[in-house]
C-alpha atoms as a PDB file:
ATOM      1  CA  MET A   1       0.000   0.000   0.000  1.00  0.00           C
ATOM      2  CA  ILE A   2       1.306   3.490  -0.919  1.00  0.00           C
ATOM      3  CA  PHE A   3       0.703   6.364   1.472  1.00  0.00           C
ATOM      4  CA  TYR A   4       0.596   9.866   0.011  1.00  0.00           C
ATOM      5  CA  SER A   5       1.721  12.811   2.093  1.00  0.00           C
ATOM      6  CA  LYS A   6      -0.711  15.689   2.576  1.00  0.00           C
ATOM      7  CA  GLN A   7       1.923  17.911   4.144  1.00  0.00           C
ATOM      8  CA  LYS A   8       2.756  21.321   2.718  1.00  0.00           C
ATOM      9  CA  ALA A   9       5.769  21.648   0.461  1.00  0.00           C
ATOM     10  CA  ALA A  10       8.060  24.419  -0.728  1.00  0.00           C
ATOM     11  CA  VAL A  11       8.245  24.533  -4.516  1.00  0.00           C
ATOM     12  CA  LEU A  12      11.111  26.950  -5.076  1.00  0.00           C
ATOM     13  CA  LEU A  13      11.629  29.039  -8.203  1.00  0.00           C
ATOM     14  CA  PHE A  14      14.925  30.395  -9.516  1.00  0.00           C
ATOM     15  CA  HIS A  15      15.747  32.124 -12.793  1.00  0.00           C
ATOM     16  CA  ARG A  16      19.365  33.258 -13.073  1.00  0.00           C
ATOM     17  CA  VAL A  17      22.462  32.501 -10.991  1.00  0.00           C
ATOM     18  CA  LEU A  18      25.318  34.820 -11.904  1.00  0.00           C
ATOM     19  CA  PRO A  19      28.058  36.849 -10.150  1.00  0.00           C
ATOM     20  CA  GLN A  20      27.443  39.950 -12.317  1.00  0.00           C
ATOM     21  CA  ARG A  21      24.969  42.460 -10.906  1.00  0.00           C
ATOM     22  CA  ASP A  22      22.023  43.927 -12.825  1.00  0.00           C
ATOM     23  CA  ALA A  23      20.166  47.074 -11.775  1.00  0.00           C
ATOM     24  CA  LEU A  24      16.838  45.947 -13.249  1.00  0.00           C
ATOM     25  CA  TRP A  25      16.795  42.184 -12.733  1.00  0.00           C
ATOM     26  CA  ASP A  26      19.532  41.145 -10.360  1.00  0.00           C
ATOM     27  CA  PRO A  27      20.525  37.462 -10.644  1.00  0.00           C
ATOM     28  CA  ILE A  28      21.123  35.442  -7.493  1.00  0.00           C
ATOM     29  CA  ASP A  29      24.796  35.500  -6.580  1.00  0.00           C
ATOM     30  CA  PRO A  30      26.370  32.012  -6.743  1.00  0.00           C
ATOM     31  CA  ALA A  31      27.429  32.228  -3.085  1.00  0.00           C
ATOM     32  CA  LEU A  32      23.837  32.940  -1.994  1.00  0.00           C
ATOM     33  CA  PHE A  33      22.553  30.178  -4.254  1.00  0.00           C
ATOM     34  CA  SER A  34      25.003  27.699  -2.740  1.00  0.00           C
ATOM     35  CA  LYS A  35      24.024  28.719   0.786  1.00  0.00           C
ATOM     36  CA  THR A  36      20.345  28.378  -0.122  1.00  0.00           C
ATOM     37  CA  ILE A  37      20.713  24.890  -1.602  1.00  0.00           C
ATOM     38  CA  LYS A  38      22.702  23.706   1.436  1.00  0.00           C
ATOM     39  CA  PHE A  39      20.026  25.110   3.758  1.00  0.00           C
ATOM     40  CA  ILE A  40      17.247  23.429   1.808  1.00  0.00           C
ATOM     41  CA  GLY A  41      19.103  20.123   1.816  1.00  0.00           C
ATOM     42  CA  LYS A  42      19.561  20.268   5.576  1.00  0.00           C
ATOM     43  CA  ASN A  43      16.047  21.350   6.533  1.00  0.00           C
ATOM     44  CA  PHE A  44      13.829  19.783   3.845  1.00  0.00           C
ATOM     45  CA  HIS A  45      13.373  16.464   2.136  1.00  0.00           C
ATOM     46  CA  VAL A  46      14.214  17.607  -1.387  1.00  0.00           C
ATOM     47  CA  ILE A  47      12.679  15.492  -4.144  1.00  0.00           C
ATOM     48  CA  SER A  48      11.980  15.893  -7.824  1.00  0.00           C
ATOM     49  CA  LEU A  49       9.008  18.013  -8.837  1.00  0.00           C
ATOM     50  CA  ASN A  50       7.272  15.005 -10.382  1.00  0.00           C
ATOM     51  CA  GLU A  51       7.643  13.058  -7.131  1.00  0.00           C
ATOM     52  CA  LEU A  52       6.284  15.969  -5.141  1.00  0.00           C
ATOM     53  CA  LEU A  53       3.271  16.538  -7.380  1.00  0.00           C
ATOM     54  CA  PHE A  54       2.310  12.990  -8.250  1.00  0.00           C
ATOM     55  CA  GLU A  55       3.767  10.693  -5.573  1.00  0.00           C
ATOM     56  CA  ARG A  56       4.226  12.797  -2.393  1.00  0.00           C
ATOM     57  CA  PRO A  57       6.203  10.338  -0.264  1.00  0.00           C
ATOM     58  CA  LEU A  58       5.847  10.488   3.488  1.00  0.00           C
ATOM     59  CA  SER A  59       8.683  12.297   5.212  1.00  0.00           C
ATOM     60  CA  SER A  60       9.611  13.444   8.685  1.00  0.00           C
ATOM     61  CA  LYS A  61      10.896  16.688   7.118  1.00  0.00           C
ATOM     62  CA  PRO A  62       8.899  19.190   5.053  1.00  0.00           C
ATOM     63  CA  LEU A  63       9.062  18.475   1.325  1.00  0.00           C
ATOM     64  CA  ALA A  64      10.710  20.741  -1.232  1.00  0.00           C
ATOM     65  CA  ALA A  65      11.333  20.787  -4.982  1.00  0.00           C
ATOM     66  CA  ILE A  66      13.623  23.080  -6.974  1.00  0.00           C
ATOM     67  CA  THR A  67      12.586  24.659 -10.277  1.00  0.00           C
ATOM     68  CA  PHE A  68      14.131  27.044 -12.796  1.00  0.00           C
ATOM     69  CA  ASP A  69      12.332  29.039 -15.485  1.00  0.00           C
ATOM     70  CA  ASP A  70      13.407  30.279 -18.920  1.00  0.00           C
ATOM     71  CA  GLY A  71      16.536  28.284 -19.830  1.00  0.00           C
ATOM     72  CA  TYR A  72      19.426  30.670 -19.208  1.00  0.00           C
ATOM     73  CA  ARG A  73      22.901  29.287 -19.901  1.00  0.00           C
ATOM     74  CA  ASP A  74      24.217  30.414 -16.524  1.00  0.00           C
ATOM     75  CA  PHE A  75      22.346  27.412 -15.083  1.00  0.00           C
ATOM     76  CA  ILE A  76      25.111  25.217 -16.555  1.00  0.00           C
ATOM     77  CA  ASP A  77      27.950  27.434 -15.343  1.00  0.00           C
ATOM     78  CA  TYR A  78      26.784  28.311 -11.831  1.00  0.00           C
ATOM     79  CA  ALA A  79      23.676  26.424 -10.690  1.00  0.00           C
ATOM     80  CA  ALA A  80      24.215  22.875 -11.951  1.00  0.00           C
ATOM     81  CA  PRO A  81      27.629  22.434 -10.266  1.00  0.00           C
ATOM     82  CA  VAL A  82      26.139  23.403  -6.881  1.00  0.00           C
ATOM     83  CA  LEU A  83      23.139  21.126  -7.335  1.00  0.00           C
ATOM     84  CA  ASP A  84      25.429  18.277  -8.393  1.00  0.00           C
ATOM     85  CA  LYS A  85      27.697  18.805  -5.395  1.00  0.00           C
ATOM     86  CA  GLU A  86      24.737  18.812  -2.996  1.00  0.00           C
ATOM     87  CA  LYS A  87      23.122  15.885  -4.842  1.00  0.00           C
ATOM     88  CA  GLN A  88      19.907  17.787  -5.503  1.00  0.00           C
ATOM     89  CA  ASN A  89      17.544  17.475  -8.453  1.00  0.00           C
ATOM     90  CA  ALA A  90      15.913  20.411 -10.244  1.00  0.00           C
ATOM     91  CA  SER A  91      13.422  20.982 -13.050  1.00  0.00           C
ATOM     92  CA  MET A  92      14.151  23.438 -15.866  1.00  0.00           C
ATOM     93  CA  PHE A  93      11.225  24.990 -17.771  1.00  0.00           C
ATOM     94  CA  VAL A  94      12.319  26.409 -21.115  1.00  0.00           C
ATOM     95  CA  VAL A  95      10.872  29.010 -23.481  1.00  0.00           C
ATOM     96  CA  THR A  96      11.230  27.238 -26.808  1.00  0.00           C
ATOM     97  CA  ASP A  97      11.542  30.315 -29.060  1.00  0.00           C
ATOM     98  CA  CYS A  98      14.329  31.579 -26.795  1.00  0.00           C
ATOM     99  CA  ILE A  99      16.190  28.291 -27.157  1.00  0.00           C
ATOM    100  CA  ASP A 100      15.566  28.207 -30.929  1.00  0.00           C
ATOM    101  CA  ASN A 101      16.672  31.806 -31.528  1.00  0.00           C
ATOM    102  CA  GLY A 102      19.344  32.179 -28.850  1.00  0.00           C
ATOM    103  CA  LEU A 103      17.639  35.316 -27.544  1.00  0.00           C
ATOM    104  CA  PRO A 104      16.326  35.967 -24.028  1.00  0.00           C
ATOM    105  CA  THR A 105      12.717  36.588 -23.013  1.00  0.00           C
ATOM    106  CA  TRP A 106      10.989  39.862 -23.874  1.00  0.00           C
ATOM    107  CA  THR A 107      11.221  40.972 -20.245  1.00  0.00           C
ATOM    108  CA  TYR A 108      15.012  40.617 -20.338  1.00  0.00           C
ATOM    109  CA  ILE A 109      15.114  42.412 -23.699  1.00  0.00           C
ATOM    110  CA  VAL A 110      13.125  45.390 -22.353  1.00  0.00           C
ATOM    111  CA  ASP A 111      15.506  45.619 -19.396  1.00  0.00           C
ATOM    112  CA  THR A 112      18.530  45.466 -21.697  1.00  0.00           C
ATOM    113  CA  LEU A 113      17.224  48.181 -24.017  1.00  0.00           C
ATOM    114  CA  PHE A 114      16.461  50.648 -21.225  1.00  0.00           C
ATOM    115  CA  ALA A 115      19.641  49.909 -19.258  1.00  0.00           C
ATOM    116  CA  ASN A 116      22.101  50.131 -22.147  1.00  0.00           C
ATOM    117  CA  THR A 117      20.797  52.744 -24.570  1.00  0.00           C
ATOM    118  CA  GLN A 118      22.552  56.087 -24.634  1.00  0.00           C
ATOM    119  CA  LYS A 119      19.287  57.783 -25.587  1.00  0.00           C
ATOM    120  CA  ASN A 120      17.168  59.546 -23.019  1.00  0.00           C
ATOM    121  CA  GLU A 121      14.026  59.900 -25.106  1.00  0.00           C
ATOM    122  CA  TRP A 122      11.436  57.479 -26.479  1.00  0.00           C
ATOM    123  CA  ASN A 123       9.454  58.754 -29.494  1.00  0.00           C
ATOM    124  CA  ASN A 124       6.877  57.594 -32.030  1.00  0.00           C
ATOM    125  CA  TYR A 125       4.435  55.795 -29.785  1.00  0.00           C
ATOM    126  CA  ASN A 126       0.937  56.876 -28.781  1.00  0.00           C
ATOM    127  CA  MET A 127       1.137  56.885 -24.992  1.00  0.00           C
ATOM    128  CA  ASP A 128      -2.406  58.186 -24.453  1.00  0.00           C
ATOM    129  CA  GLU A 129      -3.626  54.659 -23.715  1.00  0.00           C
ATOM    130  CA  PHE A 130      -1.226  54.276 -20.799  1.00  0.00           C
ATOM    131  CA  PRO A 131      -1.567  55.621 -17.246  1.00  0.00           C
ATOM    132  CA  GLU A 132      -0.360  59.166 -16.712  1.00  0.00           C
ATOM    133  CA  GLU A 133       2.852  58.085 -14.945  1.00  0.00           C
ATOM    134  CA  PHE A 134       4.133  56.450 -18.153  1.00  0.00           C
ATOM    135  CA  ARG A 135       3.398  59.262 -20.619  1.00  0.00           C
ATOM    136  CA  LYS A 136       6.572  61.210 -19.854  1.00  0.00           C
ATOM    137  CA  THR A 137       9.186  59.470 -22.023  1.00  0.00           C
ATOM    138  CA  THR A 138      12.063  61.902 -21.730  1.00  0.00           C
ATOM    139  CA  TRP A 139      14.591  61.411 -18.935  1.00  0.00           C
ATOM    140  CA  ALA A 140      17.378  63.605 -17.637  1.00  0.00           C
ATOM    141  CA  THR A 141      19.611  60.745 -16.508  1.00  0.00           C
ATOM    142  CA  LYS A 142      20.148  57.017 -16.924  1.00  0.00           C
ATOM    143  CA  GLU A 143      18.850  56.539 -13.385  1.00  0.00           C
ATOM    144  CA  GLU A 144      15.532  58.179 -14.328  1.00  0.00           C
ATOM    145  CA  ARG A 145      15.308  55.992 -17.433  1.00  0.00           C
ATOM    146  CA  VAL A 146      16.015  52.791 -15.469  1.00  0.00           C
ATOM    147  CA  ASN A 147      13.482  53.719 -12.783  1.00  0.00           C
ATOM    148  CA  TYR A 148      10.899  54.300 -15.531  1.00  0.00           C
ATOM    149  CA  CYS A 149      11.648  50.877 -16.986  1.00  0.00           C
ATOM    150  CA  ARG A 150      11.331  49.180 -13.609  1.00  0.00           C
ATOM    151  CA  LYS A 151       7.699  50.326 -13.287  1.00  0.00           C
ATOM    152  CA  PHE A 152       6.780  50.237 -16.965  1.00  0.00           C
ATOM    153  CA  LYS A 153       7.881  46.614 -17.410  1.00  0.00           C
ATOM    154  CA  GLN A 154       5.513  45.544 -14.635  1.00  0.00           C
ATOM    155  CA  HIS A 155       2.687  47.342 -16.445  1.00  0.00           C
ATOM    156  CA  LEU A 156       3.609  45.649 -19.731  1.00  0.00           C
ATOM    157  CA  LYS A 157       3.139  42.212 -18.171  1.00  0.00           C
ATOM    158  CA  TRP A 158      -0.590  42.712 -17.774  1.00  0.00           C
ATOM    159  CA  ILE A 159      -1.667  44.605 -20.882  1.00  0.00           C
ATOM    160  CA  PRO A 160      -3.072  42.691 -23.899  1.00  0.00           C
ATOM    161  CA  SER A 161      -0.390  40.648 -25.599  1.00  0.00           C
ATOM    162  CA  ILE A 162      -0.867  42.332 -28.983  1.00  0.00           C
ATOM    163  CA  LYS A 163      -0.354  45.801 -27.527  1.00  0.00           C
ATOM    164  CA  ARG A 164       2.754  44.669 -25.650  1.00  0.00           C
ATOM    165  CA  GLU A 165       4.292  43.333 -28.870  1.00  0.00           C
ATOM    166  CA  ASP A 166       3.752  46.726 -30.538  1.00  0.00           C
ATOM    167  CA  VAL A 167       5.416  48.510 -27.626  1.00  0.00           C
ATOM    168  CA  ILE A 168       8.479  46.260 -27.798  1.00  0.00           C
ATOM    169  CA  LYS A 169       8.822  46.760 -31.567  1.00  0.00           C
ATOM    170  CA  CYS A 170       8.767  50.500 -30.990  1.00  0.00           C
ATOM    171  CA  LEU A 171      11.381  50.219 -28.245  1.00  0.00           C
ATOM    172  CA  PHE A 172      13.669  48.305 -30.615  1.00  0.00           C
ATOM    173  CA  ALA A 173      13.245  51.040 -33.237  1.00  0.00           C
ATOM    174  CA  ASN A 174      14.002  53.827 -30.749  1.00  0.00           C
ATOM    175  CA  PHE A 175      16.831  52.226 -28.793  1.00  0.00           C
ATOM    176  CA  ASN A 176      18.590  50.895 -31.872  1.00  0.00           C
ATOM    177  CA  ASP A 177      22.005  51.592 -30.385  1.00  0.00           C
ATOM    178  CA  VAL A 178      21.719  48.468 -28.194  1.00  0.00           C
ATOM    179  CA  ASP A 179      22.753  44.952 -29.188  1.00  0.00           C
ATOM    180  CA  ILE A 180      20.836  42.189 -27.422  1.00  0.00           C
ATOM    181  CA  PRO A 181      23.318  39.574 -26.147  1.00  0.00           C
ATOM    182  CA  ALA A 182      23.019  36.347 -28.124  1.00  0.00           C
ATOM    183  CA  ASP A 183      24.754  34.018 -25.658  1.00  0.00           C
ATOM    184  CA  THR A 184      22.452  34.152 -22.638  1.00  0.00           C
ATOM    185  CA  MET A 185      20.248  31.142 -23.434  1.00  0.00           C
ATOM    186  CA  MET A 186      21.019  27.442 -23.620  1.00  0.00           C
ATOM    187  CA  ASN A 187      20.831  25.765 -27.013  1.00  0.00           C
ATOM    188  CA  TRP A 188      19.082  22.443 -27.587  1.00  0.00           C
ATOM    189  CA  ASP A 189      22.286  20.429 -27.212  1.00  0.00           C
ATOM    190  CA  GLU A 190      22.774  22.015 -23.791  1.00  0.00           C
ATOM    191  CA  VAL A 191      19.158  21.317 -22.836  1.00  0.00           C
ATOM    192  CA  LYS A 192      19.770  17.658 -23.707  1.00  0.00           C
ATOM    193  CA  GLN A 193      23.031  17.806 -21.746  1.00  0.00           C
ATOM    194  CA  ILE A 194      21.356  18.884 -18.515  1.00  0.00           C
ATOM    195  CA  SER A 195      18.583  16.360 -19.097  1.00  0.00           C
ATOM    196  CA  SER A 196      21.185  13.587 -19.399  1.00  0.00           C
ATOM    197  CA  ALA A 197      22.704  14.864 -16.154  1.00  0.00           C
ATOM    198  CA  GLY A 198      19.395  14.154 -14.378  1.00  0.00           C
ATOM    199  CA  PHE A 199      17.593  17.481 -14.512  1.00  0.00           C
ATOM    200  CA  ASP A 200      13.946  17.394 -15.604  1.00  0.00           C
ATOM    201  CA  ILE A 201      12.840  19.500 -18.593  1.00  0.00           C
ATOM    202  CA  GLY A 202       9.429  21.137 -18.937  1.00  0.00           C
ATOM    203  CA  SER A 203       7.621  23.743 -20.999  1.00  0.00           C
ATOM    204  CA  HIS A 204       7.501  27.457 -20.199  1.00  0.00           C
ATOM    205  CA  SER A 205       5.647  28.379 -23.449  1.00  0.00           C
ATOM    206  CA  VAL A 206       6.796  29.317 -26.942  1.00  0.00           C
ATOM    207  CA  SER A 207       7.268  33.079 -26.525  1.00  0.00           C
ATOM    208  CA  HIS A 208       6.837  33.891 -22.790  1.00  0.00           C
ATOM    209  CA  PRO A 209       3.552  35.830 -22.960  1.00  0.00           C
ATOM    210  CA  SER A 210       1.187  36.647 -20.109  1.00  0.00           C
ATOM    211  CA  LEU A 211      -1.299  33.946 -21.032  1.00  0.00           C
ATOM    212  CA  SER A 212      -4.208  35.483 -19.145  1.00  0.00           C
ATOM    213  CA  THR A 213      -3.900  38.651 -21.279  1.00  0.00           C
ATOM    214  CA  ILE A 214      -4.429  36.769 -24.550  1.00  0.00           C
ATOM    215  CA  ALA A 215      -8.026  36.970 -25.756  1.00  0.00           C
ATOM    216  CA  ASP A 216      -7.829  34.245 -28.394  1.00  0.00           C
ATOM    217  CA  GLU A 217      -7.902  30.742 -26.893  1.00  0.00           C
ATOM    218  CA  GLN A 218      -6.292  29.275 -30.012  1.00  0.00           C
ATOM    219  CA  SER A 219      -3.241  31.466 -29.380  1.00  0.00           C
ATOM    220  CA  ILE A 220      -3.030  30.233 -25.789  1.00  0.00           C
ATOM    221  CA  SER A 221      -3.370  26.627 -26.953  1.00  0.00           C
ATOM    222  CA  TYR A 222      -0.567  27.205 -29.455  1.00  0.00           C
ATOM    223  CA  GLU A 223       1.760  28.407 -26.690  1.00  0.00           C
ATOM    224  CA  LEU A 224       0.911  25.298 -24.669  1.00  0.00           C
ATOM    225  CA  THR A 225       0.972  22.616 -27.346  1.00  0.00           C
ATOM    226  CA  ARG A 226       3.680  23.892 -29.685  1.00  0.00           C
ATOM    227  CA  SER A 227       6.181  24.337 -26.858  1.00  0.00           C
ATOM    228  CA  ALA A 228       5.658  20.730 -25.752  1.00  0.00           C
ATOM    229  CA  GLU A 229       5.937  19.553 -29.368  1.00  0.00           C
ATOM    230  CA  ARG A 230       9.183  21.468 -29.857  1.00  0.00           C
ATOM    231  CA  ILE A 231      10.720  20.007 -26.696  1.00  0.00           C
ATOM    232  CA  LYS A 232       9.729  16.529 -27.879  1.00  0.00           C
ATOM    233  CA  GLU A 233      11.157  17.171 -31.362  1.00  0.00           C
ATOM    234  CA  LYS A 234      14.514  18.415 -30.104  1.00  0.00           C
ATOM    235  CA  THR A 235      15.058  16.249 -27.009  1.00  0.00           C
ATOM    236  CA  GLY A 236      12.631  13.333 -27.103  1.00  0.00           C
ATOM    237  CA  ILE A 237      11.205  14.467 -23.752  1.00  0.00           C
ATOM    238  CA  SER A 238       7.458  14.555 -23.161  1.00  0.00           C
ATOM    239  CA  SER A 239       6.697  17.567 -20.988  1.00  0.00           C
ATOM    240  CA  LYS A 240       3.975  16.728 -18.449  1.00  0.00           C
ATOM    241  CA  VAL A 241       4.176  19.920 -16.343  1.00  0.00           C
ATOM    242  CA  PHE A 242       3.766  23.473 -17.665  1.00  0.00           C
ATOM    243  CA  SER A 243       5.152  26.611 -16.036  1.00  0.00           C
ATOM    244  CA  TYR A 244       3.011  29.741 -16.567  1.00  0.00           C
ATOM    245  CA  PRO A 245       5.136  32.615 -17.937  1.00  0.00           C
ATOM    246  CA  LEU A 246       5.149  35.524 -15.491  1.00  0.00           C
ATOM    247  CA  GLY A 247       2.866  33.468 -13.238  1.00  0.00           C
ATOM    248  CA  SER A 248      -0.036  34.598 -15.435  1.00  0.00           C
ATOM    249  CA  TYR A 249      -3.017  32.253 -15.425  1.00  0.00           C
ATOM    250  CA  ASP A 250      -6.784  32.152 -15.080  1.00  0.00           C
ATOM    251  CA  ASP A 251      -9.544  29.558 -15.332  1.00  0.00           C
ATOM    252  CA  ARG A 252      -9.163  29.434 -19.126  1.00  0.00           C
ATOM    253  CA  THR A 253      -5.450  28.715 -19.026  1.00  0.00           C
ATOM    254  CA  LYS A 254      -5.944  26.000 -16.416  1.00  0.00           C
ATOM    255  CA  ARG A 255      -8.583  24.359 -18.591  1.00  0.00           C
ATOM    256  CA  LEU A 256      -6.463  24.665 -21.726  1.00  0.00           C
ATOM    257  CA  CYS A 257      -3.442  23.201 -19.935  1.00  0.00           C
ATOM    258  CA  ARG A 258      -5.526  20.183 -19.026  1.00  0.00           C
ATOM    259  CA  GLU A 259      -6.833  19.889 -22.593  1.00  0.00           C
ATOM    260  CA  ALA A 260      -3.275  20.142 -23.951  1.00  0.00           C
ATOM    261  CA  GLY A 261      -2.367  17.027 -21.984  1.00  0.00           C
ATOM    262  CA  TYR A 262      -0.383  18.507 -19.115  1.00  0.00           C
ATOM    263  CA  LYS A 263      -0.805  16.813 -15.745  1.00  0.00           C
ATOM    264  CA  ALA A 264      -0.036  19.961 -13.719  1.00  0.00           C
ATOM    265  CA  SER A 265       1.000  23.584 -14.122  1.00  0.00           C
ATOM    266  CA  LEU A 266       3.022  25.958 -11.987  1.00  0.00           C
ATOM    267  CA  ALA A 267       2.157  29.450 -10.781  1.00  0.00           C
ATOM    268  CA  VAL A 268       4.198  31.961  -8.736  1.00  0.00           C
ATOM    269  CA  ASP A 269       1.891  32.645  -5.798  1.00  0.00           C
ATOM    270  CA  LYS A 270       4.668  32.933  -3.200  1.00  0.00           C
ATOM    271  CA  MET A 271       3.319  30.409  -0.718  1.00  0.00           C
ATOM    272  CA  MET A 272       3.793  26.801   0.326  1.00  0.00           C
ATOM    273  CA  TYR A 273       2.053  24.215  -1.820  1.00  0.00           C
ATOM    274  CA  ASP A 274      -0.766  22.508   0.084  1.00  0.00           C
ATOM    275  CA  PRO A 275      -2.069  19.459  -1.832  1.00  0.00           C
ATOM    276  CA  THR A 276      -5.274  19.501   0.226  1.00  0.00           C
ATOM    277  CA  MET A 277      -6.307  22.930  -1.047  1.00  0.00           C
ATOM    278  CA  HIS A 278      -4.304  23.892  -4.156  1.00  0.00           C
ATOM    279  CA  ASP A 279      -5.294  23.006  -7.702  1.00  0.00           C
ATOM    280  CA  LEU A 280      -2.716  20.905  -9.577  1.00  0.00           C
ATOM    281  CA  TYR A 281      -3.119  23.392 -12.436  1.00  0.00           C
ATOM    282  CA  ALA A 282      -2.109  26.334 -10.229  1.00  0.00           C
ATOM    283  CA  VAL A 283       0.657  24.954  -8.004  1.00  0.00           C
ATOM    284  CA  PRO A 284       2.148  27.892  -6.064  1.00  0.00           C
ATOM    285  CA  ARG A 285       5.891  28.452  -6.072  1.00  0.00           C
ATOM    286  CA  ILE A 286       8.126  30.615  -3.925  1.00  0.00           C
ATOM    287  CA  GLU A 287      10.400  32.770  -6.069  1.00  0.00           C
ATOM    288  CA  LEU A 288      13.806  33.562  -4.609  1.00  0.00           C
ATOM    289  CA  TYR A 289      15.732  36.728  -5.369  1.00  0.00           C
ATOM    290  CA  SER A 290      19.113  38.314  -4.814  1.00  0.00           C
ATOM    291  CA  GLU A 291      18.517  39.655  -1.313  1.00  0.00           C
ATOM    292  CA  SER A 292      19.515  39.215   2.320  1.00  0.00           C
ATOM    293  CA  TRP A 293      19.912  35.753   3.820  1.00  0.00           C
ATOM    294  CA  LEU A 294      17.273  36.541   6.430  1.00  0.00           C
ATOM    295  CA  LYS A 295      14.684  37.424   3.787  1.00  0.00           C
ATOM    296  CA  THR A 296      15.639  34.380   1.732  1.00  0.00           C
ATOM    297  CA  ARG A 297      15.014  32.100   4.716  1.00  0.00           C
ATOM    298  CA  LEU A 298      11.681  33.780   5.456  1.00  0.00           C
ATOM    299  CA  ARG A 299      10.604  33.195   1.867  1.00  0.00           C
ATOM    300  CA  ILE A 300      11.689  29.542   1.828  1.00  0.00           C
ATOM    301  CA  ASN A 301       9.649  28.517   4.851  1.00  0.00           C
ATOM    302  CA  GLY A 302       6.613  30.576   3.853  1.00  0.00           C
ATOM    303  CA  THR A 303       6.898  32.979   6.793  1.00  0.00           C
ATOM    304  CA  GLU A 304       6.989  36.093   4.608  1.00  0.00           C
ATOM    305  CA  SER A 305       3.789  35.071   2.819  1.00  0.00           C
ATOM    306  CA  LEU A 306       1.998  34.313   6.080  1.00  0.00           C
ATOM    307  CA  PHE A 307       3.105  37.675   7.524  1.00  0.00           C
ATOM    308  CA  LYS A 308       1.738  39.546   4.496  1.00  0.00           C
ATOM    309  CA  GLN A 309      -1.560  37.679   4.745  1.00  0.00           C
ATOM    310  CA  PHE A 310      -1.782  38.624   8.420  1.00  0.00           C
ATOM    311  CA  LEU A 311      -1.213  42.302   7.615  1.00  0.00           C
ATOM    312  CA  LYS A 312      -4.058  42.256   5.077  1.00  0.00           C
ATOM    313  CA  LYS A 313      -6.589  41.143   7.706  1.00  0.00           C
END
């Protein structure tokens, strides 16, 4: 007889692990990542994501699983060696267009354009449809421009996908003095390499859109099904878990994930996963950032989320 655990679990989310700092999207420093993985290994029973979602073994320690989104190459250089040393498994969810084209996600591209252009003005776009705070597109300094980007990118995540694509095209045309780095993403051979090393591979969409902002269900289904097909074509792996880009989902996306054949999908709701109350098509994850060790520990054990919920009452 198999007994399934109903205990809460920490499904942890990482993106980039890199020693270089970034003003707009700061990767986790390798030293902090190493400290985090050692802490998790000591205080949790770390298992694969598939085990956690579909088997849930009984354990005297709280359960945890480690996930990465996007498919950045620095996983091979900085994260995989730590995970290998600590004998920990992880799941990598890739954006297939990014792997195919060798270019990062649109969020990374927006950051790169604003951070590296020498221009302090953005022209040729009708800003009347945006909130007042975003209509001033002339900046006195780089700091002003970067601060604008920090807020504007968050707004871009939740506007209709078609409008966002137009904005990004216009940004490319205006900030044409910036070259987008072409070596930030893994290629398919490297995806197969980490798979052979024991890391699980899953889908994170074709183009990294906010799925809940897409009106056309066929477009959502394409992002779900084509990404899984591409992973299968290039690696032979059948992706059974989907990771929502930007944590964006709604009832439609959950239904379409199920119809596309996925067995579960991952959100970013910053809380412990409770199998007695959470939908398998909206499994919450705790995203970890480049920040203090105290705050990292509070995030890992769910304390920060509980504290915020308490403050809202």
